[in-house]
N, C-alpha and C. Protein backbone atom coordinates (compact mmCIF):
# COMPACT_ATOMS: atom_id res chain seq x y z
N UNK A 1 24.34 -7.39 28.02
CA UNK A 1 23.20 -6.38 27.63
C UNK A 1 22.71 -5.76 26.29
N UNK A 2 24.45 -6.37 25.35
CA UNK A 2 24.15 -5.91 24.09
C UNK A 2 23.39 -7.02 23.29
N UNK A 3 23.69 -8.38 23.84
CA UNK A 3 23.18 -9.29 23.35
C UNK A 3 21.60 -9.45 23.04
N UNK A 4 21.10 -9.07 24.44
CA UNK A 4 19.67 -8.76 24.07
C UNK A 4 19.26 -7.89 23.69
N UNK A 5 19.94 -6.54 22.99
CA UNK A 5 19.61 -5.20 22.05
C UNK A 5 19.78 -6.07 21.01
N UNK A 6 20.65 -7.29 20.53
CA UNK A 6 21.10 -7.48 18.76
C UNK A 6 19.99 -8.67 19.19
N UNK A 7 19.29 -9.20 20.17
CA UNK A 7 18.20 -10.75 19.53
C UNK A 7 17.20 -9.35 19.40
N UNK A 8 16.85 -8.75 20.09
CA UNK A 8 15.57 -7.91 19.79
C UNK A 8 15.61 -7.52 18.00
N UNK A 9 16.76 -6.67 18.10
CA UNK A 9 16.61 -6.28 16.88
C UNK A 9 16.77 -7.00 15.61
N UNK A 10 17.15 -8.47 15.70
CA UNK A 10 17.13 -9.32 14.33
C UNK A 10 16.26 -9.96 14.89
N UNK A 11 15.04 -10.14 15.73
CA UNK A 11 13.70 -10.32 16.02
C UNK A 11 12.53 -9.40 15.00
N UNK A 12 13.09 -8.68 15.49
CA UNK A 12 12.21 -7.90 14.53
C UNK A 12 12.47 -7.36 13.32
N UNK A 13 14.04 -7.71 12.95
CA UNK A 13 14.10 -7.68 11.28
C UNK A 13 13.40 -8.96 11.26
N UNK A 14 13.27 -10.12 11.71
CA UNK A 14 12.65 -11.59 10.92
C UNK A 14 11.01 -10.99 11.14
N UNK A 15 11.07 -10.36 11.96
CA UNK A 15 9.25 -9.97 11.86
C UNK A 15 9.03 -9.33 10.83
N UNK A 16 9.49 -8.90 9.93
CA UNK A 16 9.33 -7.65 8.86
C UNK A 16 9.40 -8.47 7.57
N UNK A 17 10.61 -9.21 7.63
CA UNK A 17 10.76 -10.43 6.76
C UNK A 17 9.88 -11.26 6.39
N UNK A 18 9.23 -12.05 7.55
CA UNK A 18 8.34 -12.60 7.73
C UNK A 18 7.17 -11.95 6.79
N UNK A 19 6.56 -11.09 7.55
CA UNK A 19 5.44 -10.13 6.95
C UNK A 19 5.40 -9.46 5.12
N UNK A 20 6.36 -9.51 4.87
CA UNK A 20 6.43 -9.72 3.85
C UNK A 20 6.94 -10.55 2.96
N UNK A 21 7.16 -11.91 3.24
CA UNK A 21 7.00 -12.86 2.25
C UNK A 21 5.17 -13.29 2.75
N UNK A 22 4.80 -13.31 3.74
CA UNK A 22 3.40 -13.53 3.30
C UNK A 22 2.57 -12.37 2.81
N UNK A 23 3.11 -11.34 2.75
CA UNK A 23 2.32 -10.43 1.56
C UNK A 23 2.91 -10.86 0.63
N UNK A 24 3.67 -11.45 0.21
CA UNK A 24 4.41 -11.89 -1.17
C UNK A 24 3.21 -12.93 -1.77
N UNK A 25 2.51 -13.87 -0.40
CA UNK A 25 2.66 -15.66 -0.83
C UNK A 25 1.45 -15.50 -0.32
N UNK A 26 0.59 -13.94 -0.42
CA UNK A 26 -1.27 -13.96 0.16
C UNK A 26 -1.85 -14.56 -0.92
N UNK A 27 -2.70 -15.12 -0.28
CA UNK A 27 -3.53 -16.09 -0.80
C UNK A 27 -5.04 -15.15 -1.60
N UNK A 28 -4.90 -15.73 -3.00
CA UNK A 28 -5.93 -14.52 -3.48
C UNK A 28 -4.86 -14.00 -4.67
N UNK A 29 -3.61 -14.53 -4.55
CA UNK A 29 -2.69 -13.98 -5.90
C UNK A 29 -2.46 -12.53 -5.83
N UNK A 30 -1.58 -12.05 -6.53
CA UNK A 30 -0.88 -10.90 -6.89
C UNK A 30 -2.01 -10.12 -6.75
N UNK A 31 -3.13 -9.81 -8.09
CA UNK A 31 -4.36 -9.01 -8.21
C UNK A 31 -5.17 -8.44 -6.84
N UNK A 32 -4.73 -9.24 -5.95
CA UNK A 32 -5.61 -9.09 -4.25
C UNK A 32 -4.82 -8.22 -3.36
N UNK A 33 -3.93 -8.81 -3.60
CA UNK A 33 -2.64 -7.71 -2.93
C UNK A 33 -2.65 -6.24 -4.03
N UNK A 34 -2.27 -6.10 -5.07
CA UNK A 34 -2.28 -5.01 -5.93
C UNK A 34 -3.16 -4.16 -5.53
N UNK A 35 -4.65 -5.31 -5.41
CA UNK A 35 -5.91 -3.90 -5.33
C UNK A 35 -5.50 -3.67 -4.02
N UNK A 36 -5.82 -4.08 -3.07
CA UNK A 36 -4.96 -3.35 -1.37
C UNK A 36 -4.29 -2.33 -1.69
N UNK A 37 -3.38 -2.50 -2.56
CA UNK A 37 -1.88 -1.01 -2.87
C UNK A 37 -2.63 0.32 -2.96
N UNK A 38 -3.45 -0.30 -4.30
CA UNK A 38 -4.07 0.59 -4.82
C UNK A 38 -5.53 0.88 -3.74
N UNK A 39 -6.14 1.07 -3.07
CA UNK A 39 -7.14 1.38 -2.29
C UNK A 39 -5.76 2.33 -1.07
N UNK A 40 -5.07 1.69 -0.55
CA UNK A 40 -4.34 2.25 1.07
C UNK A 40 -3.54 3.90 -0.70
N UNK A 41 -2.86 3.59 -1.19
CA UNK A 41 -2.52 4.80 -1.98
C UNK A 41 -3.82 5.90 -2.33
N UNK A 42 -4.90 5.09 -2.69
CA UNK A 42 -5.82 6.29 -2.94
C UNK A 42 -6.64 7.07 -1.74
N UNK A 43 -6.46 6.39 -0.74
CA UNK A 43 -6.86 6.65 1.24
C UNK A 43 -5.87 7.60 1.48
N UNK A 44 -4.58 7.56 0.83
CA UNK A 44 -3.88 8.48 1.89
C UNK A 44 -3.83 9.63 0.98
N UNK A 45 -4.07 9.86 -0.37
CA UNK A 45 -3.71 11.09 -0.87
C UNK A 45 -5.01 12.15 -0.44
N UNK A 46 -5.83 11.75 -0.19
CA UNK A 46 -6.61 12.24 0.50
C UNK A 46 -7.38 12.73 2.23
N UNK A 47 -6.72 11.62 2.54
CA UNK A 47 -6.99 11.45 3.83
C UNK A 47 -6.54 12.76 4.98
N UNK A 48 -4.95 12.96 4.47
CA UNK A 48 -4.01 13.55 5.51
C UNK A 48 -5.01 15.04 6.20
N UNK A 49 -5.11 15.87 4.86
CA UNK A 49 -6.12 17.40 5.81
C UNK A 49 -7.48 16.82 6.67
N UNK A 50 -7.58 15.44 6.70
CA UNK A 50 -8.68 14.78 7.50
C UNK A 50 -8.44 14.70 8.60
N UNK A 51 -7.55 14.41 9.27
CA UNK A 51 -6.64 14.26 10.41
C UNK A 51 -6.86 12.72 10.47
N UNK A 52 -7.01 11.97 10.29
CA UNK A 52 -6.90 10.19 10.31
C UNK A 52 -8.10 9.83 9.78
N UNK A 53 -8.82 9.89 9.07
CA UNK A 53 -9.78 9.14 8.74
C UNK A 53 -9.55 8.20 8.09
N UNK A 54 -8.41 8.21 7.85
CA UNK A 54 -7.68 6.76 6.68
C UNK A 54 -8.54 5.21 7.34
N UNK A 55 -8.42 4.86 8.82
CA UNK A 55 -8.72 3.89 9.63
C UNK A 55 -10.26 3.21 8.81
N UNK A 56 -10.77 4.65 9.23
CA UNK A 56 -12.35 4.28 9.03
C UNK A 56 -12.52 4.31 7.46
N UNK A 57 -11.90 4.00 6.30
CA UNK A 57 -12.42 4.17 5.46
C UNK A 57 -11.48 2.94 4.81
N UNK A 58 -10.01 3.31 5.23
CA UNK A 58 -9.55 2.28 4.34
C UNK A 58 -10.34 0.37 4.57
N UNK A 59 -10.67 0.24 5.87
CA UNK A 59 -10.95 -1.22 6.61
C UNK A 59 -12.70 -1.61 5.42
N UNK A 60 -13.40 -0.99 5.70
CA UNK A 60 -14.36 -1.43 4.46
C UNK A 60 -14.03 -1.20 3.15
N UNK A 61 -13.63 -0.54 2.65
CA UNK A 61 -13.23 -0.24 0.97
C UNK A 61 -12.42 -1.99 1.40
N UNK A 62 -11.55 -2.28 1.62
CA UNK A 62 -10.88 -3.58 1.50
C UNK A 62 -11.76 -4.64 1.78
N UNK A 63 -12.47 -4.40 2.59
CA UNK A 63 -13.55 -5.45 2.67
C UNK A 63 -14.48 -5.62 1.24
N UNK A 64 -15.18 -4.67 0.94
CA UNK A 64 -16.16 -4.80 0.09
C UNK A 64 -15.41 -5.03 -1.05
N UNK A 65 -13.92 -4.25 -1.58
CA UNK A 65 -13.39 -5.37 -2.42
C UNK A 65 -12.72 -6.17 -2.44
N UNK A 66 -13.35 -7.02 -1.37
CA UNK A 66 -12.01 -8.42 -1.02
C UNK A 66 -10.28 -7.94 -1.41
N UNK A 67 -10.28 -6.63 -0.84
CA UNK A 67 -8.60 -6.98 -1.00
C UNK A 67 -7.98 -7.36 -0.22
N UNK A 68 -6.54 -7.05 -0.17
CA UNK A 68 -5.47 -7.38 1.34
C UNK A 68 -5.07 -6.23 1.98
N UNK A 69 -5.55 -6.39 3.47
CA UNK A 69 -5.44 -5.25 4.23
C UNK A 69 -3.95 -5.01 4.32
N UNK A 70 -3.11 -6.23 4.43
CA UNK A 70 -1.68 -5.75 4.45
C UNK A 70 -1.35 -4.98 3.08
N UNK A 71 -1.84 -5.16 2.21
CA UNK A 71 -1.15 -4.40 1.04
C UNK A 71 -1.84 -2.62 0.47
N UNK A 72 -3.18 -3.07 1.55
CA UNK A 72 -3.70 -1.89 1.48
C UNK A 72 -2.97 -0.65 2.41
N UNK A 73 -2.48 -1.37 4.04
CA UNK A 73 -1.58 -1.00 4.44
C UNK A 73 -0.30 -0.46 4.04
N UNK A 74 0.09 -1.14 3.55
CA UNK A 74 1.76 -1.24 2.63
C UNK A 74 1.81 0.35 1.53
N UNK A 75 0.53 0.22 0.98
CA UNK A 75 0.07 1.14 0.33
C UNK A 75 0.21 2.62 0.77
N UNK A 76 -0.64 2.46 1.91
CA UNK A 76 -1.09 3.56 2.70
C UNK A 76 0.40 4.42 3.14
N UNK A 77 1.14 3.56 3.72
CA UNK A 77 2.73 3.85 4.09
C UNK A 77 3.12 4.71 3.09
N UNK A 78 3.29 3.54 1.61
CA UNK A 78 3.69 4.63 0.60
C UNK A 78 3.29 5.91 -0.35
N UNK A 79 2.09 5.91 0.32
CA UNK A 79 0.86 7.27 0.01
C UNK A 79 1.87 8.29 1.09
N UNK A 80 1.89 7.63 2.07
CA UNK A 80 2.85 9.01 3.26
C UNK A 80 4.40 9.41 2.52
N UNK A 81 4.75 8.99 2.08
CA UNK A 81 6.18 8.69 1.90
C UNK A 81 6.06 9.92 0.62
N UNK A 82 5.41 9.61 -0.74
CA UNK A 82 4.72 10.21 -1.78
C UNK A 82 4.42 11.86 -1.08
N UNK A 83 3.57 11.91 -0.58
CA UNK A 83 2.33 12.84 -0.02
C UNK A 83 3.10 14.09 -0.15
N UNK A 84 4.42 14.38 0.15
CA UNK A 84 4.55 15.69 -0.20
C UNK A 84 4.51 16.78 -1.05
N UNK A 85 5.35 16.06 -1.70
CA UNK A 85 5.76 16.55 -3.21
C UNK A 85 4.30 16.71 -3.76
N UNK A 86 3.37 15.22 -3.78
CA UNK A 86 2.28 15.32 -4.95
C UNK A 86 1.18 16.73 -4.01
N UNK A 87 1.29 16.83 -2.59
CA UNK A 87 0.41 17.99 -2.16
C UNK A 87 0.37 19.10 -3.10
N UNK A 88 1.22 19.39 -3.52
CA UNK A 88 0.80 21.14 -4.21
C UNK A 88 0.16 20.77 -5.24
N UNK A 89 0.65 19.19 -6.11
CA UNK A 89 -0.27 19.20 -7.28
C UNK A 89 -2.24 18.97 -6.62
N UNK A 90 -2.50 18.20 -5.93
CA UNK A 90 -3.68 18.53 -5.24
C UNK A 90 -4.39 19.24 -5.45
N UNK A 91 -3.82 20.22 -4.33
CA UNK A 91 -4.22 21.33 -4.60
C UNK A 91 -4.53 22.71 -5.76
N UNK A 92 -3.65 22.49 -6.46
CA UNK A 92 -3.61 22.54 -7.59
C UNK A 92 -4.89 22.18 -8.41
N UNK A 93 -4.82 20.81 -8.50
CA UNK A 93 -5.91 20.13 -9.02
C UNK A 93 -7.55 20.97 -8.43
N UNK A 94 -7.40 21.13 -7.01
CA UNK A 94 -8.66 21.30 -5.83
C UNK A 94 -9.17 22.85 -6.80
N UNK A 95 -8.21 23.24 -7.07
CA UNK A 95 -8.24 24.66 -7.34
C UNK A 95 -9.39 24.76 -8.84
N UNK A 96 -8.76 23.33 -9.23
CA UNK A 96 -9.41 23.65 -10.63
C UNK A 96 -10.64 23.60 -10.61
N UNK A 97 -10.87 22.67 -10.05
CA UNK A 97 -12.38 21.56 -9.97
C UNK A 97 -13.27 22.30 -9.14
N UNK A 98 -12.98 22.95 -8.06
CA UNK A 98 -13.91 23.19 -6.99
C UNK A 98 -14.34 24.69 -7.97
N UNK A 99 -15.77 25.10 -7.53
CA UNK A 99 -16.46 26.60 -8.49
C UNK A 99 -15.42 27.87 -7.43
N UNK A 100 -15.34 28.96 -8.35
CA UNK A 100 -15.19 29.92 -8.34
C UNK A 100 -15.38 30.67 -6.97
N UNK A 101 -16.66 30.58 -6.96
CA UNK A 101 -17.09 31.56 -5.30
C UNK A 101 -16.43 30.60 -4.36
N UNK A 102 -15.75 29.51 -4.17
CA UNK A 102 -15.42 29.14 -2.96
C UNK A 102 -13.47 30.41 -2.85
N UNK A 103 -13.53 30.94 -4.14
CA UNK A 103 -12.16 31.57 -3.83
C UNK A 103 -12.35 33.00 -2.49
N UNK A 104 -13.70 32.85 -2.60
CA UNK A 104 -13.94 34.45 -1.61
C UNK A 104 -14.20 33.54 0.27
N UNK A 105 -14.00 34.65 1.07
CA UNK A 105 -13.95 34.25 2.57
C UNK A 105 -14.85 33.52 2.75
N UNK A 106 -14.94 32.11 3.36
CA UNK A 106 -16.56 31.34 4.22
C UNK A 106 -16.60 32.44 5.19
N UNK A 107 -18.13 33.10 5.35
CA UNK A 107 -18.56 34.31 5.91
C UNK A 107 -18.51 33.89 7.17
N UNK A 108 -18.83 32.53 7.87
CA UNK A 108 -19.06 32.32 9.47
C UNK A 108 -18.12 32.09 10.14
N UNK A 109 -16.70 32.26 9.16
CA UNK A 109 -15.56 31.67 9.79
C UNK A 109 -14.94 33.11 10.08
N UNK A 110 -13.90 33.10 10.80
CA UNK A 110 -12.89 34.42 11.13
C UNK A 110 -12.08 33.94 9.77
N UNK A 111 -11.12 35.24 8.85
CA UNK A 111 -10.43 34.82 7.95
C UNK A 111 -9.29 33.75 8.28
N UNK A 112 -9.24 34.06 9.13
CA UNK A 112 -7.83 32.99 9.28
C UNK A 112 -7.95 31.21 8.97
N UNK A 113 -9.24 30.98 9.82
CA UNK A 113 -9.48 29.72 9.72
C UNK A 113 -10.21 29.58 8.41
N UNK A 114 -10.85 30.43 7.89
CA UNK A 114 -11.58 30.37 5.85
C UNK A 114 -10.80 30.09 5.55
N UNK A 115 -9.15 30.35 5.52
CA UNK A 115 -8.38 30.26 4.54
C UNK A 115 -8.20 28.79 4.96
N UNK A 116 -7.91 28.31 5.53
CA UNK A 116 -7.11 26.94 6.73
C UNK A 116 -8.48 25.81 5.56
N UNK A 117 -9.60 26.44 6.05
CA UNK A 117 -10.64 25.63 5.24
C UNK A 117 -10.78 25.03 4.34
N UNK A 118 -10.59 26.63 3.33
CA UNK A 118 -10.31 26.24 2.22
C UNK A 118 -9.32 25.68 1.12
N UNK A 119 -8.06 25.69 1.99
CA UNK A 119 -6.97 24.87 1.73
C UNK A 119 -6.89 23.46 1.69
N UNK A 120 -7.47 23.00 2.97
CA UNK A 120 -8.35 21.40 3.29
C UNK A 120 -9.04 21.19 1.88
N UNK A 121 -9.89 21.92 2.24
CA UNK A 121 -11.20 21.49 0.76
C UNK A 121 -10.14 21.26 -0.33
N UNK A 122 -9.63 22.20 -1.13
CA UNK A 122 -8.75 22.31 -1.62
C UNK A 122 -7.70 20.74 -2.06
N UNK A 123 -7.48 20.60 -1.02
CA UNK A 123 -6.37 18.97 -0.73
C UNK A 123 -7.38 18.26 -0.85
N UNK A 124 -8.67 18.04 -0.52
CA UNK A 124 -9.09 16.75 0.00
C UNK A 124 -10.10 16.38 -1.73
N UNK A 125 -10.45 17.45 -2.26
CA UNK A 125 -10.43 16.99 -3.87
C UNK A 125 -9.83 16.81 -4.52
N UNK A 126 -8.69 17.67 -4.79
CA UNK A 126 -7.71 17.64 -5.81
C UNK A 126 -6.72 16.19 -5.00
N UNK A 127 -6.94 15.81 -3.97
CA UNK A 127 -6.23 14.46 -3.44
C UNK A 127 -7.19 13.34 -4.04
N UNK A 128 -8.36 13.29 -3.63
CA UNK A 128 -9.46 12.52 -4.22
C UNK A 128 -9.21 11.67 -6.10
N UNK A 129 -8.43 13.03 -6.80
CA UNK A 129 -8.19 13.04 -7.83
C UNK A 129 -7.62 12.39 -8.51
N UNK A 130 -6.25 12.79 -7.90
CA UNK A 130 -4.60 12.42 -8.05
C UNK A 130 -4.89 10.93 -7.35
N UNK A 131 -5.19 10.78 -6.07
CA UNK A 131 -5.87 9.45 -5.83
C UNK A 131 -5.98 8.44 -6.67
N UNK A 132 -7.12 8.85 -7.19
CA UNK A 132 -7.53 7.98 -7.87
C UNK A 132 -6.94 7.75 -9.06
N UNK A 133 -6.12 8.32 -9.69
CA UNK A 133 -5.19 8.47 -10.85
C UNK A 133 -3.96 7.27 -10.67
N UNK A 134 -3.42 7.84 -9.33
CA UNK A 134 -1.96 6.86 -8.82
C UNK A 134 -2.92 5.29 -8.53
N UNK A 135 -4.03 5.44 -7.89
CA UNK A 135 -4.16 4.03 -7.48
C UNK A 135 -4.49 3.21 -8.97
N UNK A 136 -4.97 3.65 -9.83
CA UNK A 136 -5.25 3.23 -11.43
C UNK A 136 -3.90 2.55 -12.01
N UNK A 137 -3.22 3.98 -11.91
CA UNK A 137 -1.46 3.58 -12.26
C UNK A 137 -0.82 2.49 -11.72
N UNK A 138 -0.43 2.68 -10.55
CA UNK A 138 -0.21 1.54 -9.19
C UNK A 138 -0.45 0.15 -9.57
N UNK A 139 -1.68 -0.24 -9.47
CA UNK A 139 -2.31 -0.83 -10.23
C UNK A 139 -1.57 -2.52 -10.65
N UNK A 140 -1.10 -2.18 -11.98
CA UNK A 140 -0.49 -2.96 -12.82
C UNK A 140 0.72 -3.15 -12.69
N UNK A 141 1.45 -2.26 -12.26
CA UNK A 141 2.84 -2.32 -12.05
C UNK A 141 3.29 -3.53 -10.60
N UNK A 142 2.33 -3.09 -10.04
CA UNK A 142 2.13 -3.68 -8.61
C UNK A 142 1.65 -5.23 -8.66
N UNK A 143 0.83 -5.31 -9.81
CA UNK A 143 0.50 -6.68 -9.93
C UNK A 143 1.36 -7.42 -10.88
N UNK A 144 2.30 -6.50 -11.62
CA UNK A 144 3.13 -7.52 -12.23
C UNK A 144 4.12 -8.11 -11.94
N UNK A 145 5.12 -6.90 -10.77
CA UNK A 145 5.79 -7.49 -10.23
C UNK A 145 5.26 -8.30 -9.50
N UNK A 146 4.69 -8.30 -8.54
CA UNK A 146 4.29 -9.85 -7.99
C UNK A 146 3.84 -10.70 -9.01
N UNK A 147 3.44 -10.79 -10.01
CA UNK A 147 3.42 -12.10 -10.94
C UNK A 147 4.33 -12.47 -11.02
N UNK A 148 5.42 -11.78 -11.54
CA UNK A 148 7.01 -12.23 -11.66
C UNK A 148 7.35 -12.69 -10.44
N UNK A 149 7.29 -12.38 -9.55
CA UNK A 149 7.41 -12.86 -8.38
C UNK A 149 7.38 -14.02 -8.18
N UNK A 150 5.72 -14.23 -8.43
CA UNK A 150 4.79 -15.61 -7.60
C UNK A 150 5.68 -16.78 -9.24
N UNK A 151 6.22 -16.51 -10.07
CA UNK A 151 6.49 -17.38 -11.30
C UNK A 151 7.85 -17.78 -11.09
N UNK A 152 8.87 -16.99 -10.22
CA UNK A 152 9.82 -17.39 -10.22
C UNK A 152 9.89 -18.48 -9.31
N UNK A 153 9.19 -18.14 -8.21
CA UNK A 153 9.21 -19.04 -6.84
C UNK A 153 8.90 -20.22 -7.31
N UNK A 154 7.69 -20.33 -8.38
CA UNK A 154 7.27 -21.50 -8.76
C UNK A 154 8.25 -22.16 -9.66
N UNK A 155 9.14 -21.41 -10.28
CA UNK A 155 9.81 -22.07 -11.05
C UNK A 155 11.24 -22.62 -10.37
N UNK A 156 11.41 -21.90 -9.32
CA UNK A 156 12.56 -22.08 -8.16
C UNK A 156 12.25 -23.99 -7.58
N UNK A 157 10.76 -23.53 -7.43
CA UNK A 157 10.58 -24.63 -6.75
C UNK A 157 10.26 -25.85 -7.28
N UNK A 158 9.62 -26.09 -8.84
CA UNK A 158 9.92 -26.94 -9.91
C UNK A 158 11.03 -27.27 -9.97
N UNK A 159 11.98 -26.70 -10.20
CA UNK A 159 13.64 -26.90 -10.55
C UNK A 159 14.19 -27.51 -8.69
N UNK A 160 13.96 -27.48 -7.80
CA UNK A 160 14.28 -28.48 -6.98
C UNK A 160 13.63 -29.80 -6.87
N UNK A 161 12.54 -29.28 -7.14
CA UNK A 161 11.66 -30.74 -7.17
C UNK A 161 12.20 -31.38 -8.30
N UNK A 162 12.48 -31.01 -9.79
CA UNK A 162 13.37 -32.28 -10.45
C UNK A 162 14.98 -32.54 -9.63
N UNK A 163 15.23 -32.17 -9.13
CA UNK A 163 16.75 -32.08 -8.19
C UNK A 163 16.59 -33.27 -7.65
N UNK A 164 15.66 -32.97 -6.58
CA UNK A 164 15.06 -33.97 -5.78
C UNK A 164 15.14 -35.16 -6.37
N UNK A 165 14.08 -35.33 -7.09
CA UNK A 165 13.47 -36.49 -7.93
C UNK A 165 14.84 -37.44 -8.74
N UNK A 166 15.86 -36.71 -8.99
CA UNK A 166 16.90 -37.18 -9.96
C UNK A 166 18.32 -37.71 -8.43
N UNK A 167 18.06 -37.17 -7.90
CA UNK A 167 19.16 -38.13 -6.44
C UNK A 167 18.46 -39.38 -6.77
N UNK A 168 20.14 -40.02 -6.23
CA UNK A 168 19.53 -41.62 -6.22
C UNK A 168 19.25 -42.17 -4.89
N UNK A 169 18.28 -42.63 -5.05
CA UNK A 169 17.54 -43.44 -3.79
C UNK A 169 18.09 -44.34 -3.02
N UNK A 170 18.04 -43.92 -1.69
CA UNK A 170 18.64 -45.02 -0.67
C UNK A 170 17.95 -46.39 -0.63
N UNK A 171 19.10 -47.19 -0.89
CA UNK A 171 18.34 -48.96 -0.66
C UNK A 171 18.01 -49.24 0.95
N UNK A 172 17.08 -50.20 0.92
CA UNK A 172 16.58 -50.12 1.98
C UNK A 172 17.88 -50.78 2.50
N UNK A 173 18.61 -52.08 1.98
CA UNK A 173 20.16 -53.06 2.48
C UNK A 173 20.66 -52.03 3.40
N UNK A 174 21.12 -51.04 2.61
CA UNK A 174 22.23 -50.12 2.98
C UNK A 174 22.18 -49.24 4.54
N UNK A 175 20.60 -49.65 4.44
CA UNK A 175 20.20 -48.30 5.82
C UNK A 175 20.59 -49.08 6.93
N UNK A 176 19.98 -50.63 6.91
CA UNK A 176 20.74 -51.74 7.64
C UNK A 176 22.14 -51.71 8.19
């Protein structure tokens, strides 16, 4: 029983490692993956108060900008990790941007529901602004890191090719 459980865990680990390598080696290069990461981060910053609208927004944005969907999903998960510390800032920015008359009660809702709607609106507006800023700021470091990885990989392949070329070739007489 333990070996089956261990093989399942190692299989999942191998799958994640494969997906990680495929993401790093994505067709189109680091710019497309970094663009996808930025889109995922941007969408996550304002979709938490909208109760799961992210998939509806990520797919068309990735398609129209020709970005990496897997990069967008990684950015989306990263956004979930950093959302709670940034949510306070999102709400403050929403208060600064939205007009002051929203500070009053929305008249056709009960008072408690009016407060929830206003807070959600502040989070969405602030999240759009913060998401755009974070997306632009995250694009360049992610692209830079992926370019470094690609150049190191290319250099290792070049060294390996040179090493294999330097090896003596077997004679056909020695094989027979």
